[in-house]
N, C-alpha and C. Protein backbone atom coordinates (compact mmCIF):
# COMPACT_ATOMS: atom_id res chain seq x y z
N UNK A 1 11.64 -12.54 -1.45
CA UNK A 1 10.60 -12.12 -2.37
C UNK A 1 10.22 -13.27 -3.28
N UNK A 2 8.96 -13.42 -3.53
CA UNK A 2 8.48 -14.50 -4.39
C UNK A 2 8.75 -14.15 -5.85
N UNK A 3 9.30 -15.11 -6.58
CA UNK A 3 9.59 -14.92 -8.01
C UNK A 3 8.38 -15.33 -8.84
N UNK A 4 8.14 -14.58 -9.90
CA UNK A 4 7.08 -14.90 -10.85
C UNK A 4 7.75 -15.51 -12.07
N UNK A 5 7.27 -16.68 -12.48
CA UNK A 5 7.82 -17.37 -13.64
C UNK A 5 6.68 -17.65 -14.62
N UNK A 6 6.91 -17.35 -15.89
CA UNK A 6 5.92 -17.61 -16.91
C UNK A 6 6.16 -18.98 -17.53
N UNK A 7 5.11 -19.76 -17.64
CA UNK A 7 5.16 -21.06 -18.28
C UNK A 7 5.22 -20.82 -19.79
N UNK A 8 5.97 -21.64 -20.50
CA UNK A 8 6.12 -21.46 -21.95
C UNK A 8 4.84 -21.79 -22.71
N UNK A 9 3.99 -22.62 -22.14
CA UNK A 9 2.73 -22.97 -22.82
C UNK A 9 1.73 -21.85 -22.61
N UNK A 10 0.90 -21.64 -23.62
CA UNK A 10 -0.22 -20.70 -23.51
C UNK A 10 -1.48 -21.44 -23.92
N UNK A 11 -2.61 -20.94 -23.48
CA UNK A 11 -3.87 -21.60 -23.85
C UNK A 11 -4.08 -21.51 -25.36
N UNK A 12 -4.96 -22.35 -25.87
CA UNK A 12 -5.25 -22.37 -27.31
C UNK A 12 -5.82 -21.03 -27.77
N UNK A 13 -6.70 -20.43 -26.96
CA UNK A 13 -7.28 -19.14 -27.38
C UNK A 13 -6.22 -18.04 -27.39
N UNK A 14 -5.29 -18.09 -26.43
CA UNK A 14 -4.21 -17.10 -26.42
C UNK A 14 -3.30 -17.30 -27.62
N UNK A 15 -3.00 -18.54 -27.95
CA UNK A 15 -2.16 -18.83 -29.12
C UNK A 15 -2.83 -18.33 -30.39
N UNK A 16 -4.13 -18.51 -30.46
CA UNK A 16 -4.90 -18.04 -31.62
C UNK A 16 -4.80 -16.52 -31.76
N UNK A 17 -4.87 -15.80 -30.65
CA UNK A 17 -4.76 -14.34 -30.68
C UNK A 17 -3.37 -13.89 -31.09
N UNK A 18 -2.36 -14.69 -30.77
CA UNK A 18 -0.97 -14.34 -31.11
C UNK A 18 -0.60 -14.61 -32.57
N UNK A 19 -1.23 -15.59 -33.17
CA UNK A 19 -0.85 -16.04 -34.51
C UNK A 19 -0.65 -14.91 -35.53
N UNK A 20 -1.57 -13.95 -35.66
CA UNK A 20 -1.37 -12.92 -36.68
C UNK A 20 -0.17 -12.01 -36.41
N UNK A 21 0.39 -12.08 -35.22
CA UNK A 21 1.47 -11.17 -34.84
C UNK A 21 2.85 -11.84 -34.88
N UNK A 22 2.89 -13.14 -35.05
CA UNK A 22 4.16 -13.86 -35.01
C UNK A 22 5.07 -13.43 -36.17
N UNK A 23 4.58 -13.49 -37.39
CA UNK A 23 5.41 -13.14 -38.55
C UNK A 23 5.83 -11.67 -38.53
N UNK A 24 4.92 -10.72 -38.24
CA UNK A 24 5.35 -9.32 -38.17
C UNK A 24 6.43 -9.09 -37.10
N UNK A 25 6.35 -9.79 -36.00
CA UNK A 25 7.39 -9.64 -34.97
C UNK A 25 8.71 -10.23 -35.44
N UNK A 26 8.63 -11.33 -36.15
CA UNK A 26 9.83 -11.94 -36.70
C UNK A 26 10.49 -11.01 -37.71
N UNK A 27 9.67 -10.38 -38.55
CA UNK A 27 10.18 -9.49 -39.59
C UNK A 27 10.70 -8.17 -39.04
N UNK A 28 10.35 -7.83 -37.82
CA UNK A 28 10.75 -6.56 -37.22
C UNK A 28 11.50 -6.81 -35.90
N UNK A 29 12.80 -7.10 -35.97
CA UNK A 29 13.57 -7.35 -34.73
C UNK A 29 13.39 -6.18 -33.76
N UNK A 30 13.14 -6.50 -32.53
CA UNK A 30 12.90 -5.47 -31.52
C UNK A 30 11.49 -4.92 -31.54
N UNK A 31 10.62 -5.48 -32.39
CA UNK A 31 9.24 -5.01 -32.49
C UNK A 31 8.48 -5.24 -31.19
N UNK A 32 7.41 -4.48 -31.03
CA UNK A 32 6.60 -4.57 -29.81
C UNK A 32 5.12 -4.65 -30.17
N UNK A 33 4.37 -5.25 -29.29
CA UNK A 33 2.92 -5.29 -29.41
C UNK A 33 2.33 -5.08 -28.02
N UNK A 34 1.25 -4.32 -27.96
CA UNK A 34 0.50 -4.15 -26.72
C UNK A 34 -0.39 -5.38 -26.57
N UNK A 35 -0.70 -5.74 -25.33
CA UNK A 35 -1.59 -6.87 -25.11
C UNK A 35 -2.30 -6.72 -23.78
N UNK A 36 -3.47 -7.30 -23.71
CA UNK A 36 -4.19 -7.46 -22.45
C UNK A 36 -4.12 -8.94 -22.17
N UNK A 37 -3.53 -9.29 -21.02
CA UNK A 37 -3.36 -10.72 -20.73
C UNK A 37 -4.06 -11.11 -19.44
N UNK A 38 -4.40 -12.35 -19.39
CA UNK A 38 -4.91 -12.97 -18.17
C UNK A 38 -4.02 -14.18 -17.93
N UNK A 39 -3.51 -14.31 -16.72
CA UNK A 39 -2.73 -15.49 -16.43
C UNK A 39 -3.24 -16.15 -15.17
N UNK A 40 -2.97 -17.44 -15.07
CA UNK A 40 -3.43 -18.24 -13.94
C UNK A 40 -2.24 -18.92 -13.29
N UNK A 41 -2.26 -18.98 -11.97
CA UNK A 41 -1.21 -19.69 -11.24
C UNK A 41 -1.38 -21.18 -11.49
N UNK A 42 -0.27 -21.84 -11.88
CA UNK A 42 -0.35 -23.27 -12.15
C UNK A 42 0.59 -24.08 -11.27
N UNK A 43 1.55 -23.41 -10.65
CA UNK A 43 2.50 -24.15 -9.81
C UNK A 43 3.09 -23.22 -8.78
N UNK A 44 3.21 -23.72 -7.57
CA UNK A 44 3.79 -22.94 -6.47
C UNK A 44 4.95 -23.74 -5.89
N UNK A 45 6.10 -23.07 -5.71
CA UNK A 45 7.26 -23.72 -5.13
C UNK A 45 7.61 -23.00 -3.84
N UNK A 46 7.58 -23.76 -2.75
CA UNK A 46 7.93 -23.19 -1.44
C UNK A 46 9.15 -23.94 -0.93
N UNK A 47 10.33 -23.30 -0.97
CA UNK A 47 11.55 -23.97 -0.52
C UNK A 47 11.48 -24.32 0.97
N UNK A 48 12.23 -25.34 1.32
CA UNK A 48 12.29 -25.76 2.73
C UNK A 48 12.93 -24.65 3.57
N UNK A 49 12.49 -24.51 4.83
CA UNK A 49 13.11 -23.50 5.71
C UNK A 49 14.62 -23.73 5.80
N UNK A 50 15.35 -22.63 5.82
CA UNK A 50 16.81 -22.70 5.94
C UNK A 50 17.54 -22.81 4.62
N UNK A 51 16.80 -22.98 3.52
CA UNK A 51 17.48 -23.03 2.22
C UNK A 51 17.54 -21.62 1.65
N UNK A 52 18.42 -21.43 0.70
CA UNK A 52 18.61 -20.09 0.13
C UNK A 52 17.74 -19.84 -1.10
N UNK A 53 16.95 -20.82 -1.50
CA UNK A 53 16.08 -20.64 -2.66
C UNK A 53 14.92 -19.74 -2.28
N UNK A 54 14.42 -19.01 -3.29
CA UNK A 54 13.28 -18.13 -3.08
C UNK A 54 12.00 -18.85 -3.50
N UNK A 55 10.88 -18.54 -2.83
CA UNK A 55 9.62 -19.12 -3.28
C UNK A 55 9.27 -18.58 -4.67
N UNK A 56 8.50 -19.36 -5.41
CA UNK A 56 8.13 -18.91 -6.75
C UNK A 56 6.72 -19.39 -7.07
N UNK A 57 6.14 -18.71 -8.03
CA UNK A 57 4.85 -19.11 -8.58
C UNK A 57 4.98 -19.08 -10.09
N UNK A 58 4.54 -20.15 -10.73
CA UNK A 58 4.58 -20.25 -12.20
C UNK A 58 3.18 -19.96 -12.69
N UNK A 59 3.10 -19.13 -13.71
CA UNK A 59 1.80 -18.77 -14.28
C UNK A 59 1.78 -19.10 -15.76
N UNK A 60 0.58 -19.34 -16.25
CA UNK A 60 0.38 -19.63 -17.68
C UNK A 60 -0.59 -18.59 -18.23
N UNK A 61 -0.32 -18.10 -19.42
CA UNK A 61 -1.22 -17.17 -20.08
C UNK A 61 -2.44 -17.96 -20.54
N UNK A 62 -3.61 -17.57 -20.01
CA UNK A 62 -4.84 -18.29 -20.34
C UNK A 62 -5.79 -17.44 -21.18
N UNK A 63 -5.59 -16.14 -21.20
CA UNK A 63 -6.39 -15.25 -22.01
C UNK A 63 -5.51 -14.14 -22.55
N UNK A 64 -5.74 -13.75 -23.79
CA UNK A 64 -4.88 -12.76 -24.40
C UNK A 64 -5.62 -12.10 -25.56
N UNK A 65 -5.55 -10.79 -25.59
CA UNK A 65 -6.07 -10.03 -26.73
C UNK A 65 -5.05 -8.96 -27.08
N UNK A 66 -4.85 -8.77 -28.37
CA UNK A 66 -3.94 -7.74 -28.87
C UNK A 66 -4.75 -6.73 -29.66
N UNK A 67 -4.59 -5.45 -29.34
CA UNK A 67 -5.37 -4.44 -30.06
C UNK A 67 -4.83 -4.23 -31.46
N UNK A 68 -5.72 -3.78 -32.35
CA UNK A 68 -5.25 -3.37 -33.68
C UNK A 68 -4.71 -1.94 -33.54
N UNK A 69 -4.19 -1.38 -34.62
CA UNK A 69 -3.58 -0.04 -34.56
C UNK A 69 -4.56 1.02 -34.07
N UNK A 70 -5.84 0.91 -34.47
CA UNK A 70 -6.84 1.89 -34.04
C UNK A 70 -7.16 1.77 -32.56
N UNK A 71 -7.01 0.60 -31.98
CA UNK A 71 -7.34 0.36 -30.57
C UNK A 71 -6.15 0.58 -29.64
N UNK A 72 -4.95 0.61 -30.18
CA UNK A 72 -3.75 0.65 -29.36
C UNK A 72 -3.70 1.88 -28.46
N UNK A 73 -4.16 3.02 -28.94
CA UNK A 73 -4.15 4.24 -28.12
C UNK A 73 -4.98 4.08 -26.85
N UNK A 74 -6.14 3.43 -26.97
CA UNK A 74 -6.99 3.22 -25.80
C UNK A 74 -6.31 2.30 -24.79
N UNK A 75 -5.61 1.29 -25.28
CA UNK A 75 -4.91 0.36 -24.39
C UNK A 75 -3.75 1.08 -23.71
N UNK A 76 -3.02 1.90 -24.45
CA UNK A 76 -1.92 2.66 -23.84
C UNK A 76 -2.45 3.63 -22.78
N UNK A 77 -3.59 4.23 -23.04
CA UNK A 77 -4.22 5.14 -22.08
C UNK A 77 -4.60 4.38 -20.81
N UNK A 78 -5.16 3.20 -20.96
CA UNK A 78 -5.51 2.38 -19.80
C UNK A 78 -4.25 2.00 -19.02
N UNK A 79 -3.19 1.66 -19.73
CA UNK A 79 -1.93 1.31 -19.09
C UNK A 79 -1.38 2.50 -18.30
N UNK A 80 -1.44 3.67 -18.89
CA UNK A 80 -0.96 4.88 -18.22
C UNK A 80 -1.78 5.17 -16.96
N UNK A 81 -3.09 5.01 -17.05
CA UNK A 81 -3.96 5.24 -15.90
C UNK A 81 -3.68 4.23 -14.79
N UNK A 82 -3.53 2.97 -15.13
CA UNK A 82 -3.22 1.95 -14.13
C UNK A 82 -1.88 2.23 -13.45
N UNK A 83 -0.90 2.67 -14.22
CA UNK A 83 0.40 3.02 -13.65
C UNK A 83 0.25 4.20 -12.69
N UNK A 84 -0.53 5.19 -13.08
CA UNK A 84 -0.77 6.34 -12.21
C UNK A 84 -1.43 5.90 -10.91
N UNK A 85 -2.43 5.03 -11.00
CA UNK A 85 -3.12 4.53 -9.81
C UNK A 85 -2.14 3.85 -8.85
N UNK A 86 -1.19 3.13 -9.39
CA UNK A 86 -0.25 2.37 -8.57
C UNK A 86 0.84 3.26 -7.97
N UNK A 87 1.18 4.35 -8.63
CA UNK A 87 2.37 5.10 -8.22
C UNK A 87 2.11 6.52 -7.72
N UNK A 88 0.85 6.97 -7.67
CA UNK A 88 0.55 8.36 -7.28
C UNK A 88 1.14 8.67 -5.91
N UNK A 89 1.82 9.82 -5.81
CA UNK A 89 2.45 10.26 -4.56
C UNK A 89 2.21 11.75 -4.37
N UNK A 90 2.28 12.18 -3.12
CA UNK A 90 2.14 13.59 -2.81
C UNK A 90 2.48 13.84 -1.35
N UNK A 91 2.52 15.12 -0.97
CA UNK A 91 2.80 15.50 0.41
C UNK A 91 1.77 16.54 0.85
N UNK A 92 1.61 16.65 2.15
CA UNK A 92 0.70 17.65 2.69
C UNK A 92 1.45 18.95 2.92
N UNK A 93 0.81 20.08 2.57
CA UNK A 93 1.43 21.38 2.85
C UNK A 93 1.05 21.80 4.28
N UNK A 94 1.46 23.00 4.68
CA UNK A 94 1.22 23.49 6.04
C UNK A 94 -0.27 23.64 6.36
N UNK A 95 -1.10 23.80 5.31
CA UNK A 95 -2.54 23.96 5.51
C UNK A 95 -3.28 22.62 5.44
N UNK A 96 -2.55 21.52 5.31
CA UNK A 96 -3.18 20.21 5.22
C UNK A 96 -3.68 19.86 3.84
N UNK A 97 -3.34 20.66 2.84
CA UNK A 97 -3.75 20.38 1.46
C UNK A 97 -2.69 19.50 0.79
N UNK A 98 -3.15 18.61 -0.04
CA UNK A 98 -2.23 17.69 -0.70
C UNK A 98 -1.62 18.32 -1.94
N UNK A 99 -0.31 18.22 -2.04
CA UNK A 99 0.41 18.67 -3.23
C UNK A 99 0.99 17.43 -3.90
N UNK A 100 0.60 17.19 -5.15
CA UNK A 100 1.08 16.03 -5.87
C UNK A 100 2.56 16.19 -6.22
N UNK A 101 3.28 15.07 -6.22
CA UNK A 101 4.69 15.10 -6.59
C UNK A 101 4.82 15.44 -8.08
N UNK A 102 5.98 15.93 -8.46
CA UNK A 102 6.24 16.28 -9.86
C UNK A 102 6.07 15.07 -10.78
N UNK A 103 6.57 13.91 -10.35
CA UNK A 103 6.45 12.72 -11.20
C UNK A 103 4.98 12.33 -11.39
N UNK A 104 4.16 12.48 -10.36
CA UNK A 104 2.74 12.18 -10.49
C UNK A 104 2.06 13.19 -11.41
N UNK A 105 2.40 14.46 -11.27
CA UNK A 105 1.81 15.48 -12.14
C UNK A 105 2.15 15.22 -13.60
N UNK A 106 3.38 14.78 -13.87
CA UNK A 106 3.77 14.45 -15.26
C UNK A 106 2.91 13.32 -15.81
N UNK A 107 2.61 12.33 -14.97
CA UNK A 107 1.81 11.19 -15.42
C UNK A 107 0.37 11.58 -15.76
N UNK A 108 -0.15 12.62 -15.12
CA UNK A 108 -1.54 13.00 -15.36
C UNK A 108 -1.72 13.67 -16.71
N UNK A 109 -0.65 14.22 -17.26
CA UNK A 109 -0.73 14.89 -18.56
C UNK A 109 -1.73 16.03 -18.56
N UNK A 110 -2.02 16.61 -17.38
CA UNK A 110 -2.95 17.73 -17.28
C UNK A 110 -4.41 17.33 -17.37
N UNK A 111 -4.69 16.07 -17.41
CA UNK A 111 -6.08 15.62 -17.53
C UNK A 111 -6.74 15.67 -16.15
N UNK A 112 -7.85 16.39 -16.05
CA UNK A 112 -8.50 16.65 -14.78
C UNK A 112 -8.87 15.37 -14.04
N UNK A 113 -9.45 14.39 -14.70
CA UNK A 113 -9.83 13.15 -14.03
C UNK A 113 -8.60 12.43 -13.48
N UNK A 114 -7.51 12.45 -14.23
CA UNK A 114 -6.29 11.82 -13.76
C UNK A 114 -5.73 12.57 -12.56
N UNK A 115 -5.75 13.91 -12.64
CA UNK A 115 -5.27 14.71 -11.50
C UNK A 115 -6.05 14.38 -10.24
N UNK A 116 -7.36 14.34 -10.36
CA UNK A 116 -8.19 14.06 -9.20
C UNK A 116 -7.97 12.65 -8.67
N UNK A 117 -7.86 11.69 -9.55
CA UNK A 117 -7.59 10.32 -9.13
C UNK A 117 -6.26 10.24 -8.40
N UNK A 118 -5.24 10.86 -8.95
CA UNK A 118 -3.93 10.84 -8.32
C UNK A 118 -3.96 11.53 -6.96
N UNK A 119 -4.64 12.67 -6.88
CA UNK A 119 -4.70 13.41 -5.64
C UNK A 119 -5.43 12.61 -4.56
N UNK A 120 -6.56 12.03 -4.92
CA UNK A 120 -7.31 11.23 -3.95
C UNK A 120 -6.50 10.01 -3.50
N UNK A 121 -5.86 9.35 -4.44
CA UNK A 121 -5.08 8.16 -4.08
C UNK A 121 -3.92 8.53 -3.17
N UNK A 122 -3.20 9.59 -3.52
CA UNK A 122 -2.07 10.01 -2.69
C UNK A 122 -2.55 10.46 -1.31
N UNK A 123 -3.66 11.18 -1.24
CA UNK A 123 -4.20 11.61 0.04
C UNK A 123 -4.61 10.43 0.91
N UNK A 124 -5.31 9.48 0.32
CA UNK A 124 -5.71 8.30 1.08
C UNK A 124 -4.49 7.49 1.53
N UNK A 125 -3.49 7.39 0.68
CA UNK A 125 -2.27 6.66 1.06
C UNK A 125 -1.60 7.32 2.26
N UNK A 126 -1.57 8.66 2.27
CA UNK A 126 -0.97 9.38 3.40
C UNK A 126 -1.70 9.05 4.70
N UNK A 127 -3.03 9.13 4.67
CA UNK A 127 -3.80 8.91 5.89
C UNK A 127 -3.84 7.43 6.27
N UNK A 128 -3.72 6.52 5.30
CA UNK A 128 -3.58 5.10 5.62
C UNK A 128 -2.28 4.86 6.37
N UNK A 129 -1.18 5.47 5.89
CA UNK A 129 0.11 5.32 6.56
C UNK A 129 0.07 5.91 7.97
N UNK A 130 -0.63 7.03 8.13
CA UNK A 130 -0.80 7.66 9.44
C UNK A 130 -1.51 6.68 10.39
N UNK A 131 -2.60 6.07 9.91
CA UNK A 131 -3.34 5.12 10.73
C UNK A 131 -2.48 3.89 11.06
N UNK A 132 -1.68 3.44 10.09
CA UNK A 132 -0.81 2.29 10.35
C UNK A 132 0.21 2.60 11.45
N UNK A 133 0.75 3.83 11.43
CA UNK A 133 1.70 4.21 12.48
C UNK A 133 1.01 4.20 13.84
N UNK A 134 -0.24 4.61 13.89
CA UNK A 134 -0.99 4.59 15.15
C UNK A 134 -1.21 3.15 15.63
N UNK A 135 -1.58 2.29 14.71
CA UNK A 135 -1.85 0.89 15.07
C UNK A 135 -0.60 0.21 15.59
N UNK A 136 0.54 0.49 14.99
CA UNK A 136 1.79 -0.19 15.36
C UNK A 136 2.63 0.59 16.35
N UNK A 137 2.13 1.73 16.80
CA UNK A 137 2.87 2.57 17.74
C UNK A 137 2.62 2.13 19.17
N UNK A 138 3.02 2.99 20.10
CA UNK A 138 2.83 2.67 21.52
C UNK A 138 1.34 2.68 21.88
N UNK A 139 1.01 2.01 22.98
CA UNK A 139 -0.38 2.01 23.46
C UNK A 139 -0.80 3.43 23.81
N UNK A 140 -2.03 3.77 23.43
CA UNK A 140 -2.54 5.11 23.67
C UNK A 140 -3.70 5.06 24.66
N UNK A 141 -3.89 6.16 25.37
CA UNK A 141 -5.05 6.26 26.25
C UNK A 141 -6.28 6.51 25.39
N UNK A 142 -7.45 6.39 25.97
CA UNK A 142 -8.69 6.65 25.24
C UNK A 142 -8.70 8.08 24.73
N UNK A 143 -8.25 9.02 25.54
CA UNK A 143 -8.21 10.43 25.13
C UNK A 143 -7.26 10.62 23.96
N UNK A 144 -6.10 9.97 23.99
CA UNK A 144 -5.14 10.07 22.88
C UNK A 144 -5.71 9.44 21.61
N UNK A 145 -6.40 8.33 21.75
CA UNK A 145 -7.02 7.68 20.59
C UNK A 145 -8.05 8.61 19.96
N UNK A 146 -8.89 9.24 20.80
CA UNK A 146 -9.89 10.18 20.28
C UNK A 146 -9.21 11.33 19.54
N UNK A 147 -8.13 11.86 20.12
CA UNK A 147 -7.39 12.95 19.49
C UNK A 147 -6.84 12.51 18.12
N UNK A 148 -6.25 11.33 18.07
CA UNK A 148 -5.68 10.83 16.81
C UNK A 148 -6.78 10.54 15.79
N UNK A 149 -7.91 10.01 16.24
CA UNK A 149 -9.03 9.76 15.32
C UNK A 149 -9.57 11.08 14.78
N UNK A 150 -9.58 12.12 15.61
CA UNK A 150 -10.03 13.43 15.14
C UNK A 150 -9.07 13.96 14.07
N UNK A 151 -7.77 13.81 14.30
CA UNK A 151 -6.78 14.24 13.31
C UNK A 151 -6.96 13.46 12.01
N UNK A 152 -7.21 12.17 12.12
CA UNK A 152 -7.43 11.33 10.94
C UNK A 152 -8.69 11.78 10.19
N UNK A 153 -9.77 12.01 10.92
CA UNK A 153 -11.02 12.46 10.30
C UNK A 153 -10.85 13.81 9.62
N UNK A 154 -10.14 14.73 10.27
CA UNK A 154 -9.92 16.05 9.67
C UNK A 154 -9.05 15.94 8.43
N UNK A 155 -8.07 15.06 8.45
CA UNK A 155 -7.21 14.87 7.28
C UNK A 155 -7.97 14.33 6.10
N UNK A 156 -8.77 13.31 6.34
CA UNK A 156 -9.58 12.73 5.26
C UNK A 156 -10.60 13.75 4.76
N UNK A 157 -11.17 14.52 5.68
CA UNK A 157 -12.12 15.57 5.29
C UNK A 157 -11.43 16.60 4.41
N UNK A 158 -10.20 16.97 4.74
CA UNK A 158 -9.46 17.94 3.92
C UNK A 158 -9.25 17.40 2.51
N UNK A 159 -8.93 16.11 2.40
CA UNK A 159 -8.75 15.50 1.07
C UNK A 159 -10.07 15.56 0.31
N UNK A 160 -11.17 15.20 0.97
CA UNK A 160 -12.48 15.22 0.31
C UNK A 160 -12.93 16.64 -0.01
N UNK A 161 -12.67 17.59 0.88
CA UNK A 161 -13.06 18.98 0.62
C UNK A 161 -12.31 19.55 -0.57
N UNK A 162 -11.06 19.17 -0.71
CA UNK A 162 -10.30 19.63 -1.87
C UNK A 162 -10.92 19.06 -3.13
N UNK A 163 -11.38 17.80 -3.07
CA UNK A 163 -12.06 17.21 -4.22
C UNK A 163 -13.33 17.99 -4.53
N UNK A 164 -14.09 18.37 -3.50
CA UNK A 164 -15.32 19.13 -3.70
C UNK A 164 -15.00 20.50 -4.29
N UNK A 165 -13.93 21.14 -3.82
CA UNK A 165 -13.54 22.44 -4.36
C UNK A 165 -13.19 22.32 -5.84
N UNK A 166 -12.51 21.24 -6.21
CA UNK A 166 -12.19 21.04 -7.62
C UNK A 166 -13.46 20.81 -8.43
N UNK A 167 -14.43 20.06 -7.85
CA UNK A 167 -15.71 19.82 -8.54
C UNK A 167 -16.47 21.10 -8.76
N UNK A 168 -16.38 22.04 -7.79
CA UNK A 168 -17.10 23.32 -7.86
C UNK A 168 -16.32 24.37 -8.63
N UNK A 169 -15.14 24.02 -9.10
CA UNK A 169 -14.32 24.97 -9.86
C UNK A 169 -13.74 26.04 -8.96
N UNK A 170 -13.51 25.71 -7.69
CA UNK A 170 -12.94 26.65 -6.70
C UNK A 170 -13.78 27.91 -6.56
N UNK A 171 -15.08 27.82 -6.80
CA UNK A 171 -15.96 28.99 -6.66
C UNK A 171 -16.49 29.15 -5.26
N UNK A 172 -16.28 28.19 -4.36
CA UNK A 172 -16.86 28.25 -3.01
C UNK A 172 -16.34 29.44 -2.22
């Protein structure tokens, strides 16, 4: 696995954004600050074949903004949404409908847009994995490929139809 290493230097604009927070962090051991960062790859290390070292990439913070107290909630909300996008999981029930995992449901906090995003992401991930198994599985005949493509199309349609049912308020 490639290691990520942060360079100790930061750009001048990032340092400027950090300045007002240095003393408060010093005065509050264990203190935290939210930040939006941009980093750039500045060095890549690729060990020689047969060595036990891992490849690494060193990055430098080139852009940085820290929210004030009034803005922090919006940044935390964005962080929560990005985490949900990355981790949404679910399983298909006997009718082909997607049921979100308990951990994913907890992350949505009952917010409809988050629920729908998680459901769509988990559904697409399921059908992507299904397609990957087909691609890497045994050779199929044309008839078998058509059958599997039909199953894939029906699965994706079920995910989209569930989205439509949610949009219509299940009145269909």
